[in-house]
C-alpha atoms as a PDB file:
ATOM      1  CA  UNK A   1       0.005  -0.006   0.005  1.00  0.00           C
ATOM      2  CA  UNK A   2       2.800   2.435   0.855  1.00  0.00           C
ATOM      3  CA  UNK A   3       4.499   1.777  -2.480  1.00  0.00           C
ATOM      4  CA  UNK A   4       1.254   2.576  -4.299  1.00  0.00           C
ATOM      5  CA  UNK A   5       0.890   5.897  -2.443  1.00  0.00           C
ATOM      6  CA  UNK A   6       4.549   6.767  -3.015  1.00  0.00           C
ATOM      7  CA  UNK A   7       4.305   6.084  -6.755  1.00  0.00           C
ATOM      8  CA  UNK A   8       1.115   8.190  -6.963  1.00  0.00           C
ATOM      9  CA  UNK A   9       2.718  11.131  -5.138  1.00  0.00           C
ATOM     10  CA  UNK A  10       5.855  11.042  -7.284  1.00  0.00           C
ATOM     11  CA  UNK A  11       4.033  10.745 -10.602  1.00  0.00           C
ATOM     12  CA  UNK A  12       4.875  13.604 -13.003  1.00  0.00           C
ATOM     13  CA  UNK A  13       1.219  14.186 -13.785  1.00  0.00           C
ATOM     14  CA  UNK A  14       0.640  15.046 -10.125  1.00  0.00           C
ATOM     15  CA  UNK A  15       3.919  16.829  -9.416  1.00  0.00           C
ATOM     16  CA  UNK A  16       3.772  19.018 -12.532  1.00  0.00           C
ATOM     17  CA  UNK A  17       0.558  20.859 -11.645  1.00  0.00           C
ATOM     18  CA  UNK A  18       1.517  21.026  -7.957  1.00  0.00           C
ATOM     19  CA  UNK A  19       4.853  22.657  -8.809  1.00  0.00           C
ATOM     20  CA  UNK A  20       3.061  25.012 -11.196  1.00  0.00           C
ATOM     21  CA  UNK A  21       0.693  26.098  -8.414  1.00  0.00           C
ATOM     22  CA  UNK A  22       3.624  26.711  -6.063  1.00  0.00           C
ATOM     23  CA  UNK A  23       5.476  28.662  -8.768  1.00  0.00           C
ATOM     24  CA  UNK A  24       2.339  30.712  -9.443  1.00  0.00           C
ATOM     25  CA  UNK A  25       1.895  31.566  -5.773  1.00  0.00           C
ATOM     26  CA  UNK A  26       5.552  32.519  -5.331  1.00  0.00           C
ATOM     27  CA  UNK A  27       5.762  34.633  -8.490  1.00  0.00           C
ATOM     28  CA  UNK A  28       2.359  36.365  -8.502  1.00  0.00           C
ATOM     29  CA  UNK A  29       2.757  40.114  -9.045  1.00  0.00           C
ATOM     30  CA  UNK A  30       6.559  40.089  -9.039  1.00  0.00           C
ATOM     31  CA  UNK A  31       9.121  40.865 -11.688  1.00  0.00           C
ATOM     32  CA  UNK A  32      11.258  37.797 -12.129  1.00  0.00           C
ATOM     33  CA  UNK A  33      14.771  37.432 -13.514  1.00  0.00           C
ATOM     34  CA  UNK A  34      15.162  35.390 -16.701  1.00  0.00           C
ATOM     35  CA  UNK A  35      16.172  32.082 -15.048  1.00  0.00           C
ATOM     36  CA  UNK A  36      13.047  32.120 -12.862  1.00  0.00           C
ATOM     37  CA  UNK A  37      10.883  33.029 -15.851  1.00  0.00           C
ATOM     38  CA  UNK A  38      12.254  29.925 -17.590  1.00  0.00           C
ATOM     39  CA  UNK A  39      11.451  27.774 -14.524  1.00  0.00           C
ATOM     40  CA  UNK A  40       7.896  29.132 -14.353  1.00  0.00           C
ATOM     41  CA  UNK A  41       7.440  28.542 -18.097  1.00  0.00           C
ATOM     42  CA  UNK A  42       8.622  24.956 -17.724  1.00  0.00           C
ATOM     43  CA  UNK A  43       6.229  24.474 -14.805  1.00  0.00           C
ATOM     44  CA  UNK A  44       3.402  25.831 -16.952  1.00  0.00           C
ATOM     45  CA  UNK A  45       4.329  23.450 -19.760  1.00  0.00           C
ATOM     46  CA  UNK A  46       4.373  20.513 -17.326  1.00  0.00           C
ATOM     47  CA  UNK A  47       0.929  21.483 -16.001  1.00  0.00           C
ATOM     48  CA  UNK A  48      -0.491  21.728 -19.532  1.00  0.00           C
ATOM     49  CA  UNK A  49       1.002  18.380 -20.528  1.00  0.00           C
ATOM     50  CA  UNK A  50      -0.413  16.788 -17.361  1.00  0.00           C
ATOM     51  CA  UNK A  51      -3.872  18.210 -18.117  1.00  0.00           C
ATOM     52  CA  UNK A  52      -3.752  16.843 -21.654  1.00  0.00           C
ATOM     53  CA  UNK A  53      -2.533  13.478 -20.306  1.00  0.00           C
ATOM     54  CA  UNK A  54      -5.450  13.285 -17.862  1.00  0.00           C
ATOM     55  CA  UNK A  55      -7.909  14.258 -20.606  1.00  0.00           C
ATOM     56  CA  UNK A  56      -6.452  11.549 -22.815  1.00  0.00           C
ATOM     57  CA  UNK A  57      -6.859   8.926 -20.063  1.00  0.00           C
ATOM     58  CA  UNK A  58     -10.500   9.972 -19.555  1.00  0.00           C
ATOM     59  CA  UNK A  59     -11.094   9.955 -23.319  1.00  0.00           C
ATOM     60  CA  UNK A  60      -9.654   6.444 -23.608  1.00  0.00           C
ATOM     61  CA  UNK A  61     -11.870   5.185 -20.789  1.00  0.00           C
ATOM     62  CA  UNK A  62     -15.148   6.587 -22.133  1.00  0.00           C
ATOM     63  CA  UNK A  63     -14.667   5.548 -25.728  1.00  0.00           C
ATOM     64  CA  UNK A  64     -14.329   6.939 -29.223  1.00  0.00           C
ATOM     65  CA  UNK A  65     -17.122   9.430 -29.878  1.00  0.00           C
ATOM     66  CA  UNK A  66     -17.223  11.144 -26.486  1.00  0.00           C
ATOM     67  CA  UNK A  67     -13.483  10.805 -25.953  1.00  0.00           C
ATOM     68  CA  UNK A  68     -12.767  13.001 -28.946  1.00  0.00           C
ATOM     69  CA  UNK A  69     -15.055  15.669 -27.526  1.00  0.00           C
ATOM     70  CA  UNK A  70     -13.287  15.465 -24.144  1.00  0.00           C
ATOM     71  CA  UNK A  71      -9.917  16.045 -25.810  1.00  0.00           C
ATOM     72  CA  UNK A  72     -11.248  18.881 -27.951  1.00  0.00           C
ATOM     73  CA  UNK A  73     -12.787  20.651 -24.951  1.00  0.00           C
ATOM     74  CA  UNK A  74      -9.628  20.189 -22.876  1.00  0.00           C
ATOM     75  CA  UNK A  75      -7.416  21.701 -25.570  1.00  0.00           C
ATOM     76  CA  UNK A  76      -9.857  24.563 -26.154  1.00  0.00           C
ATOM     77  CA  UNK A  77     -10.006  25.425 -22.446  1.00  0.00           C
ATOM     78  CA  UNK A  78      -6.196  25.428 -22.235  1.00  0.00           C
ATOM     79  CA  UNK A  79      -5.890  27.683 -25.302  1.00  0.00           C
ATOM     80  CA  UNK A  80      -8.507  30.128 -24.047  1.00  0.00           C
ATOM     81  CA  UNK A  81      -6.847  30.261 -20.625  1.00  0.00           C
ATOM     82  CA  UNK A  82      -3.467  31.043 -22.160  1.00  0.00           C
ATOM     83  CA  UNK A  83      -4.909  33.781 -24.391  1.00  0.00           C
ATOM     84  CA  UNK A  84      -6.842  35.359 -21.515  1.00  0.00           C
ATOM     85  CA  UNK A  85      -3.697  35.247 -19.346  1.00  0.00           C
ATOM     86  CA  UNK A  86      -1.664  37.045 -22.028  1.00  0.00           C
ATOM     87  CA  UNK A  87      -4.389  39.639 -22.540  1.00  0.00           C
ATOM     88  CA  UNK A  88      -4.816  40.279 -18.799  1.00  0.00           C
ATOM     89  CA  UNK A  89      -1.091  40.637 -18.162  1.00  0.00           C
ATOM     90  CA  UNK A  90      -0.395  42.962 -21.078  1.00  0.00           C
ATOM     91  CA  UNK A  91      -1.876  46.105 -19.542  1.00  0.00           C
ATOM     92  CA  UNK A  92      -4.033  48.490 -21.564  1.00  0.00           C
ATOM     93  CA  UNK A  93      -2.370  47.605 -24.870  1.00  0.00           C
ATOM     94  CA  UNK A  94      -2.783  43.872 -24.215  1.00  0.00           C
ATOM     95  CA  UNK A  95      -6.548  44.098 -23.690  1.00  0.00           C
ATOM     96  CA  UNK A  96      -7.071  43.473 -27.391  1.00  0.00           C
ATOM     97  CA  UNK A  97      -5.261  41.177 -29.745  1.00  0.00           C
ATOM     98  CA  UNK A  98      -4.654  43.788 -32.440  1.00  0.00           C
ATOM     99  CA  UNK A  99      -1.084  45.231 -32.612  1.00  0.00           C
ATOM    100  CA  UNK A 100      -2.458  48.814 -32.557  1.00  0.00           C
END
């Protein structure tokens, strides 16, 4: 039983999002030097890959027609979240997507 818990806690699909949450909390509202920006970006990439992995597992379990919809919705939510994040962090000029 302990080995099962240990393997679950050390799984990359669990650690990736947890590290991304910690990085988000520690970097919120601060200007970061380039090495820390790279670390936060890698944490974000790990969290996105973990979310897609979990969506793929769910899609495989529920079957072909609904599984495709689960994957499409997961990817759409991730893309919208990234676009909204970029627009919210860009200040007044980042509120729209035009390069005006």
